[in-house]
N, C-alpha and C. Protein backbone atom coordinates (compact mmCIF):
# COMPACT_ATOMS: atom_id res chain seq x y z
N MET A 1 -157.14 200.39 -241.64
CA MET A 1 -157.04 201.09 -240.36
C MET A 1 -158.40 201.71 -240.02
N PRO A 2 -158.97 201.37 -238.85
CA PRO A 2 -160.26 201.93 -238.45
C PRO A 2 -160.19 203.45 -238.30
N CYS A 3 -161.36 204.09 -238.47
CA CYS A 3 -161.47 205.54 -238.31
C CYS A 3 -161.27 205.94 -236.86
N ASP A 4 -160.90 207.20 -236.65
CA ASP A 4 -160.82 207.79 -235.32
C ASP A 4 -162.15 208.52 -235.09
N PHE A 5 -162.97 208.00 -234.20
CA PHE A 5 -164.29 208.56 -233.94
C PHE A 5 -164.30 209.54 -232.77
N ASN A 6 -163.16 209.77 -232.13
CA ASN A 6 -163.10 210.66 -230.97
C ASN A 6 -163.60 212.05 -231.31
N GLY A 7 -164.41 212.61 -230.40
CA GLY A 7 -164.85 213.98 -230.57
C GLY A 7 -166.33 214.16 -230.29
N VAL A 8 -166.76 215.41 -230.45
CA VAL A 8 -168.17 215.77 -230.30
C VAL A 8 -168.73 215.98 -231.70
N TRP A 9 -169.84 215.29 -232.00
CA TRP A 9 -170.44 215.28 -233.33
C TRP A 9 -171.88 215.78 -233.23
N LYS A 10 -172.18 216.86 -233.96
CA LYS A 10 -173.53 217.44 -233.95
C LYS A 10 -174.23 217.13 -235.26
N HIS A 11 -175.49 216.71 -235.16
CA HIS A 11 -176.28 216.37 -236.34
C HIS A 11 -176.36 217.57 -237.28
N ASP A 12 -176.16 217.32 -238.57
CA ASP A 12 -176.21 218.37 -239.59
C ASP A 12 -177.35 218.16 -240.57
N LYS A 13 -177.49 216.95 -241.11
CA LYS A 13 -178.58 216.69 -242.07
C LYS A 13 -178.91 215.20 -242.12
N THR A 14 -180.11 214.93 -242.61
CA THR A 14 -180.63 213.56 -242.66
C THR A 14 -181.37 213.34 -243.96
N GLU A 15 -181.27 212.13 -244.48
CA GLU A 15 -182.06 211.72 -245.65
C GLU A 15 -182.83 210.46 -245.29
N ASN A 16 -184.14 210.48 -245.52
CA ASN A 16 -185.01 209.30 -245.44
C ASN A 16 -185.25 208.81 -244.01
N PHE A 17 -185.18 209.71 -243.03
CA PHE A 17 -185.33 209.33 -241.63
C PHE A 17 -186.76 208.86 -241.32
N ASP A 18 -187.76 209.59 -241.82
CA ASP A 18 -189.15 209.22 -241.54
C ASP A 18 -189.47 207.82 -242.07
N ALA A 19 -189.03 207.53 -243.29
CA ALA A 19 -189.27 206.20 -243.87
C ALA A 19 -188.56 205.12 -243.06
N PHE A 20 -187.36 205.42 -242.56
CA PHE A 20 -186.62 204.47 -241.73
C PHE A 20 -187.39 204.17 -240.45
N LEU A 21 -187.84 205.22 -239.76
CA LEU A 21 -188.58 205.02 -238.52
C LEU A 21 -189.90 204.29 -238.77
N ASP A 22 -190.56 204.62 -239.88
CA ASP A 22 -191.80 203.93 -240.24
C ASP A 22 -191.54 202.44 -240.46
N ALA A 23 -190.44 202.12 -241.14
CA ALA A 23 -190.09 200.72 -241.39
C ALA A 23 -189.81 199.97 -240.09
N LEU A 24 -189.37 200.69 -239.06
CA LEU A 24 -189.14 200.08 -237.74
C LEU A 24 -190.45 199.82 -236.99
N GLY A 25 -191.51 200.51 -237.42
CA GLY A 25 -192.79 200.38 -236.73
C GLY A 25 -193.03 201.50 -235.73
N VAL A 26 -192.28 202.61 -235.83
CA VAL A 26 -192.46 203.76 -234.94
C VAL A 26 -193.68 204.54 -235.42
N ASN A 27 -194.58 204.90 -234.49
CA ASN A 27 -195.81 205.59 -234.90
C ASN A 27 -195.53 207.02 -235.37
N ALA A 28 -196.51 207.61 -236.05
CA ALA A 28 -196.35 208.92 -236.69
C ALA A 28 -196.00 210.02 -235.69
N ALA A 29 -196.62 210.01 -234.51
CA ALA A 29 -196.34 211.05 -233.51
C ALA A 29 -194.89 211.00 -233.05
N LYS A 30 -194.39 209.81 -232.76
CA LYS A 30 -192.99 209.68 -232.33
C LYS A 30 -192.03 210.00 -233.47
N ARG A 31 -192.40 209.68 -234.71
CA ARG A 31 -191.55 210.01 -235.86
C ARG A 31 -191.42 211.52 -236.02
N LYS A 32 -192.52 212.24 -235.82
CA LYS A 32 -192.51 213.70 -235.94
C LYS A 32 -191.60 214.32 -234.88
N ILE A 33 -191.69 213.83 -233.66
CA ILE A 33 -190.83 214.33 -232.58
C ILE A 33 -189.37 214.03 -232.90
N ALA A 34 -189.08 212.81 -233.33
CA ALA A 34 -187.70 212.41 -233.64
C ALA A 34 -187.11 213.27 -234.74
N ALA A 35 -187.92 213.63 -235.74
CA ALA A 35 -187.43 214.43 -236.87
C ALA A 35 -187.07 215.85 -236.46
N ALA A 36 -187.69 216.35 -235.39
CA ALA A 36 -187.47 217.74 -234.96
C ALA A 36 -186.27 217.90 -234.03
N ILE A 37 -185.65 216.81 -233.64
CA ILE A 37 -184.56 216.84 -232.66
C ILE A 37 -183.20 216.90 -233.36
N THR A 38 -182.26 217.64 -232.75
CA THR A 38 -180.90 217.72 -233.26
C THR A 38 -179.96 217.00 -232.29
N PRO A 39 -179.65 215.72 -232.57
CA PRO A 39 -178.80 214.97 -231.65
C PRO A 39 -177.33 215.39 -231.69
N VAL A 40 -176.66 215.20 -230.57
CA VAL A 40 -175.23 215.43 -230.44
C VAL A 40 -174.63 214.17 -229.81
N MET A 41 -173.53 213.68 -230.38
CA MET A 41 -172.83 212.51 -229.83
C MET A 41 -171.43 212.91 -229.41
N GLU A 42 -171.05 212.52 -228.19
CA GLU A 42 -169.67 212.66 -227.75
C GLU A 42 -169.09 211.25 -227.70
N ILE A 43 -168.09 211.01 -228.54
CA ILE A 43 -167.52 209.67 -228.66
C ILE A 43 -166.10 209.67 -228.13
N THR A 44 -165.83 208.74 -227.22
CA THR A 44 -164.48 208.50 -226.73
C THR A 44 -164.10 207.09 -227.17
N GLN A 45 -163.02 207.01 -227.93
CA GLN A 45 -162.56 205.73 -228.48
C GLN A 45 -161.13 205.47 -228.02
N ASP A 46 -160.92 204.26 -227.52
CA ASP A 46 -159.58 203.81 -227.16
C ASP A 46 -159.38 202.46 -227.82
N GLY A 47 -158.85 202.48 -229.04
CA GLY A 47 -158.71 201.24 -229.81
C GLY A 47 -160.07 200.68 -230.17
N ASP A 48 -160.41 199.52 -229.61
CA ASP A 48 -161.69 198.86 -229.88
C ASP A 48 -162.74 199.14 -228.81
N LYS A 49 -162.41 200.00 -227.84
CA LYS A 49 -163.36 200.33 -226.76
C LYS A 49 -163.97 201.70 -227.02
N PHE A 50 -165.29 201.77 -226.84
CA PHE A 50 -166.03 203.00 -227.12
C PHE A 50 -166.91 203.39 -225.94
N VAL A 51 -167.03 204.71 -225.74
CA VAL A 51 -168.05 205.28 -224.87
C VAL A 51 -168.74 206.35 -225.72
N VAL A 52 -170.06 206.22 -225.87
CA VAL A 52 -170.83 207.16 -226.67
C VAL A 52 -171.89 207.79 -225.78
N ASN A 53 -171.75 209.10 -225.56
CA ASN A 53 -172.76 209.87 -224.83
C ASN A 53 -173.55 210.64 -225.86
N ALA A 54 -174.84 210.36 -225.94
CA ALA A 54 -175.70 211.02 -226.92
C ALA A 54 -176.74 211.85 -226.18
N SER A 55 -177.00 213.05 -226.71
CA SER A 55 -178.04 213.91 -226.14
C SER A 55 -178.85 214.50 -227.28
N GLY A 56 -180.04 214.94 -226.95
CA GLY A 56 -180.89 215.56 -227.96
C GLY A 56 -181.50 214.56 -228.92
N GLY A 57 -181.43 213.29 -228.62
CA GLY A 57 -182.02 212.27 -229.49
C GLY A 57 -183.42 211.92 -229.05
N PRO A 58 -184.13 211.11 -229.83
CA PRO A 58 -185.50 210.75 -229.50
C PRO A 58 -185.64 210.02 -228.17
N GLY A 59 -184.60 209.37 -227.72
CA GLY A 59 -184.66 208.65 -226.44
C GLY A 59 -184.11 209.46 -225.28
N GLY A 60 -183.84 210.76 -225.48
CA GLY A 60 -183.23 211.56 -224.44
C GLY A 60 -181.73 211.29 -224.38
N ALA A 61 -181.12 211.59 -223.24
CA ALA A 61 -179.68 211.36 -223.08
C ALA A 61 -179.41 209.87 -222.87
N THR A 62 -178.44 209.36 -223.60
CA THR A 62 -178.08 207.94 -223.46
C THR A 62 -176.56 207.81 -223.40
N LYS A 63 -176.13 206.71 -222.79
CA LYS A 63 -174.70 206.40 -222.74
C LYS A 63 -174.53 204.94 -223.12
N LEU A 64 -173.68 204.69 -224.10
CA LEU A 64 -173.35 203.33 -224.51
C LEU A 64 -171.87 203.10 -224.29
N GLU A 65 -171.54 201.98 -223.68
CA GLU A 65 -170.14 201.56 -223.54
C GLU A 65 -170.04 200.18 -224.16
N PHE A 66 -169.11 200.03 -225.10
CA PHE A 66 -168.99 198.73 -225.76
C PHE A 66 -167.58 198.52 -226.28
N THR A 67 -167.29 197.25 -226.58
CA THR A 67 -166.01 196.83 -227.15
C THR A 67 -166.31 196.06 -228.42
N ILE A 68 -165.57 196.36 -229.48
CA ILE A 68 -165.74 195.66 -230.76
C ILE A 68 -165.67 194.15 -230.52
N GLY A 69 -166.62 193.43 -231.12
CA GLY A 69 -166.64 191.98 -231.02
C GLY A 69 -167.41 191.42 -229.83
N GLN A 70 -167.85 192.30 -228.91
CA GLN A 70 -168.58 191.84 -227.73
C GLN A 70 -170.03 192.33 -227.78
N GLU A 71 -170.97 191.39 -227.75
CA GLU A 71 -172.39 191.76 -227.77
C GLU A 71 -172.77 192.47 -226.48
N PHE A 72 -173.73 193.39 -226.58
CA PHE A 72 -174.26 194.09 -225.41
C PHE A 72 -175.71 194.48 -225.69
N GLU A 73 -176.43 194.85 -224.62
CA GLU A 73 -177.81 195.27 -224.76
C GLU A 73 -177.93 196.77 -224.56
N SER A 74 -178.93 197.35 -225.23
CA SER A 74 -179.23 198.77 -225.10
C SER A 74 -180.73 198.96 -225.30
N GLU A 75 -181.17 200.22 -225.31
CA GLU A 75 -182.57 200.53 -225.59
C GLU A 75 -182.65 201.52 -226.74
N MET A 76 -183.69 201.36 -227.57
CA MET A 76 -183.99 202.30 -228.65
C MET A 76 -185.50 202.52 -228.63
N PHE A 77 -185.93 203.77 -228.46
CA PHE A 77 -187.36 204.10 -228.39
C PHE A 77 -188.07 203.28 -227.31
N GLY A 78 -187.36 202.98 -226.21
CA GLY A 78 -187.94 202.22 -225.12
C GLY A 78 -187.97 200.71 -225.34
N HIS A 79 -187.34 200.24 -226.41
CA HIS A 79 -187.31 198.81 -226.72
C HIS A 79 -185.90 198.27 -226.51
N LYS A 80 -185.80 197.10 -225.89
CA LYS A 80 -184.48 196.49 -225.68
C LYS A 80 -183.93 195.97 -227.00
N MET A 81 -182.61 196.14 -227.17
CA MET A 81 -181.92 195.72 -228.38
C MET A 81 -180.68 194.91 -227.99
N LYS A 82 -180.38 193.89 -228.79
CA LYS A 82 -179.11 193.16 -228.66
C LYS A 82 -178.21 193.71 -229.76
N ASN A 83 -177.01 194.15 -229.40
CA ASN A 83 -176.10 194.82 -230.33
C ASN A 83 -174.82 194.04 -230.53
N LYS A 84 -174.35 194.01 -231.76
CA LYS A 84 -173.08 193.36 -232.05
C LYS A 84 -172.22 194.33 -232.88
N PRO A 85 -171.22 194.97 -232.23
CA PRO A 85 -170.33 195.89 -232.94
C PRO A 85 -169.17 195.16 -233.60
N SER A 86 -168.75 195.66 -234.76
CA SER A 86 -167.60 195.08 -235.47
C SER A 86 -166.98 196.14 -236.36
N TRP A 87 -165.79 195.86 -236.84
CA TRP A 87 -165.15 196.69 -237.85
C TRP A 87 -165.47 196.10 -239.22
N ASP A 88 -165.78 196.97 -240.17
CA ASP A 88 -165.96 196.60 -241.57
C ASP A 88 -164.98 197.47 -242.34
N GLY A 89 -163.74 197.00 -242.48
CA GLY A 89 -162.68 197.86 -243.01
C GLY A 89 -162.42 198.96 -242.00
N ASN A 90 -162.55 200.22 -242.43
CA ASN A 90 -162.34 201.35 -241.52
C ASN A 90 -163.65 201.83 -240.89
N LYS A 91 -164.76 201.15 -241.18
CA LYS A 91 -166.08 201.56 -240.71
C LYS A 91 -166.47 200.80 -239.44
N LEU A 92 -167.21 201.50 -238.59
CA LEU A 92 -167.79 200.89 -237.40
C LEU A 92 -169.18 200.39 -237.76
N LYS A 93 -169.39 199.10 -237.62
CA LYS A 93 -170.67 198.49 -237.99
C LYS A 93 -171.34 197.95 -236.73
N MET A 94 -172.64 198.22 -236.59
CA MET A 94 -173.41 197.74 -235.45
C MET A 94 -174.66 197.05 -235.98
N ILE A 95 -174.83 195.79 -235.63
CA ILE A 95 -176.06 195.08 -235.96
C ILE A 95 -176.90 195.04 -234.70
N MET A 96 -178.08 195.66 -234.77
CA MET A 96 -178.98 195.78 -233.63
C MET A 96 -180.20 194.90 -233.87
N THR A 97 -180.43 193.95 -232.98
CA THR A 97 -181.57 193.05 -233.10
C THR A 97 -182.57 193.36 -232.00
N PRO A 98 -183.79 193.77 -232.38
CA PRO A 98 -184.81 194.07 -231.36
C PRO A 98 -185.18 192.83 -230.56
N LEU A 99 -185.33 193.01 -229.25
CA LEU A 99 -185.78 191.93 -228.38
C LEU A 99 -187.27 192.08 -228.07
N GLY A 100 -187.91 193.10 -228.67
CA GLY A 100 -189.33 193.35 -228.47
C GLY A 100 -190.06 193.38 -229.80
N ASP A 101 -190.97 194.35 -229.93
CA ASP A 101 -191.82 194.39 -231.11
C ASP A 101 -191.35 195.33 -232.21
N LEU A 102 -190.20 195.97 -232.05
CA LEU A 102 -189.65 196.74 -233.17
C LEU A 102 -189.22 195.78 -234.27
N LYS A 103 -189.27 196.27 -235.50
CA LYS A 103 -188.82 195.43 -236.62
C LYS A 103 -187.31 195.54 -236.74
N GLY A 104 -186.71 194.56 -237.37
CA GLY A 104 -185.26 194.58 -237.51
C GLY A 104 -184.80 193.31 -238.18
N PRO A 105 -183.53 193.05 -238.20
CA PRO A 105 -182.47 193.79 -237.50
C PRO A 105 -182.17 195.13 -238.18
N ILE A 106 -181.51 195.98 -237.42
CA ILE A 106 -181.07 197.29 -237.89
C ILE A 106 -179.56 197.22 -238.05
N VAL A 107 -179.07 197.68 -239.19
CA VAL A 107 -177.62 197.72 -239.43
C VAL A 107 -177.22 199.19 -239.50
N ILE A 108 -176.33 199.60 -238.60
CA ILE A 108 -175.82 200.98 -238.58
C ILE A 108 -174.34 200.93 -238.89
N THR A 109 -173.95 201.69 -239.91
CA THR A 109 -172.54 201.76 -240.32
C THR A 109 -172.09 203.20 -240.22
N ARG A 110 -170.98 203.43 -239.50
CA ARG A 110 -170.46 204.78 -239.32
C ARG A 110 -169.04 204.86 -239.86
N VAL A 111 -168.76 205.99 -240.52
CA VAL A 111 -167.41 206.24 -241.03
C VAL A 111 -167.13 207.73 -240.90
N VAL A 112 -165.89 208.07 -240.57
CA VAL A 112 -165.47 209.47 -240.48
C VAL A 112 -164.74 209.83 -241.76
N GLN A 113 -165.17 210.96 -242.35
CA GLN A 113 -164.53 211.50 -243.55
C GLN A 113 -164.28 212.98 -243.30
N GLY A 114 -163.03 213.33 -243.00
CA GLY A 114 -162.70 214.71 -242.67
C GLY A 114 -163.39 215.11 -241.37
N ASP A 115 -164.19 216.20 -241.43
CA ASP A 115 -164.89 216.66 -240.23
C ASP A 115 -166.34 216.17 -240.19
N GLU A 116 -166.65 215.13 -240.98
CA GLU A 116 -168.00 214.58 -241.00
C GLU A 116 -168.02 213.12 -240.55
N LEU A 117 -169.05 212.79 -239.80
CA LEU A 117 -169.32 211.40 -239.45
C LEU A 117 -170.58 211.02 -240.23
N ASN A 118 -170.44 210.06 -241.11
CA ASN A 118 -171.55 209.59 -241.94
C ASN A 118 -172.13 208.35 -241.28
N GLN A 119 -173.41 208.40 -240.96
CA GLN A 119 -174.09 207.28 -240.30
C GLN A 119 -175.17 206.75 -241.23
N ARG A 120 -175.00 205.52 -241.70
CA ARG A 120 -175.97 204.88 -242.59
C ARG A 120 -176.74 203.85 -241.77
N MET A 121 -178.07 203.96 -241.80
CA MET A 121 -178.92 203.07 -241.02
C MET A 121 -179.85 202.32 -241.97
N GLU A 122 -179.89 200.99 -241.82
CA GLU A 122 -180.71 200.16 -242.71
C GLU A 122 -181.63 199.28 -241.89
N VAL A 123 -182.87 199.17 -242.34
CA VAL A 123 -183.81 198.18 -241.82
C VAL A 123 -184.59 197.68 -243.03
N GLY A 124 -184.52 196.37 -243.27
CA GLY A 124 -185.12 195.83 -244.49
C GLY A 124 -184.44 196.44 -245.70
N ASN A 125 -185.25 197.00 -246.61
CA ASN A 125 -184.67 197.64 -247.79
C ASN A 125 -184.71 199.17 -247.69
N VAL A 126 -184.94 199.70 -246.48
CA VAL A 126 -184.99 201.14 -246.27
C VAL A 126 -183.66 201.61 -245.71
N ILE A 127 -183.10 202.64 -246.35
CA ILE A 127 -181.80 203.19 -245.94
C ILE A 127 -181.96 204.66 -245.57
N CYS A 128 -181.42 205.03 -244.43
CA CYS A 128 -181.41 206.41 -243.96
C CYS A 128 -179.95 206.82 -243.76
N THR A 129 -179.64 208.04 -244.13
CA THR A 129 -178.29 208.57 -243.92
C THR A 129 -178.39 209.80 -243.03
N ARG A 130 -177.54 209.84 -242.00
CA ARG A 130 -177.45 211.01 -241.12
C ARG A 130 -176.00 211.47 -241.12
N ILE A 131 -175.82 212.77 -241.29
CA ILE A 131 -174.49 213.38 -241.31
C ILE A 131 -174.32 214.21 -240.04
N PHE A 132 -173.18 213.99 -239.37
CA PHE A 132 -172.83 214.75 -238.17
C PHE A 132 -171.54 215.52 -238.46
N LYS A 133 -171.45 216.76 -237.96
CA LYS A 133 -170.25 217.59 -238.12
C LYS A 133 -169.48 217.62 -236.80
N LYS A 134 -168.16 217.54 -236.92
CA LYS A 134 -167.31 217.60 -235.73
C LYS A 134 -167.32 219.01 -235.17
N GLN A 135 -167.44 219.12 -233.86
CA GLN A 135 -167.51 220.43 -233.20
C GLN A 135 -166.16 220.83 -232.66
């Protein structure tokens, strides 16, 4: 059974974020700015349909609307990405393929455990974990 991602999620802690951004090819100045930001995600889930409103992130306010199994495009750090969302057991998995000069693909796996949303981000052999607390 997939997790229930509904709610407002505020960033709490991160491990290995700078190395992750470096592996993507993000320059040092942008990495420093990204590390200082506290993102908040508001997620509305209706079965396999999602709306994610994010604020306080490195790209400013963003809105993603997607359905599991359907590819869509988005932007990350000003670069276009092709995204493929899927379920991996109870986890939400997103494979993001850069359409520009960012390195990738990026694999983002999210799972809810109690009042925490654990977000694991991988590029190459670099893994970053970000924890969000439900508000």
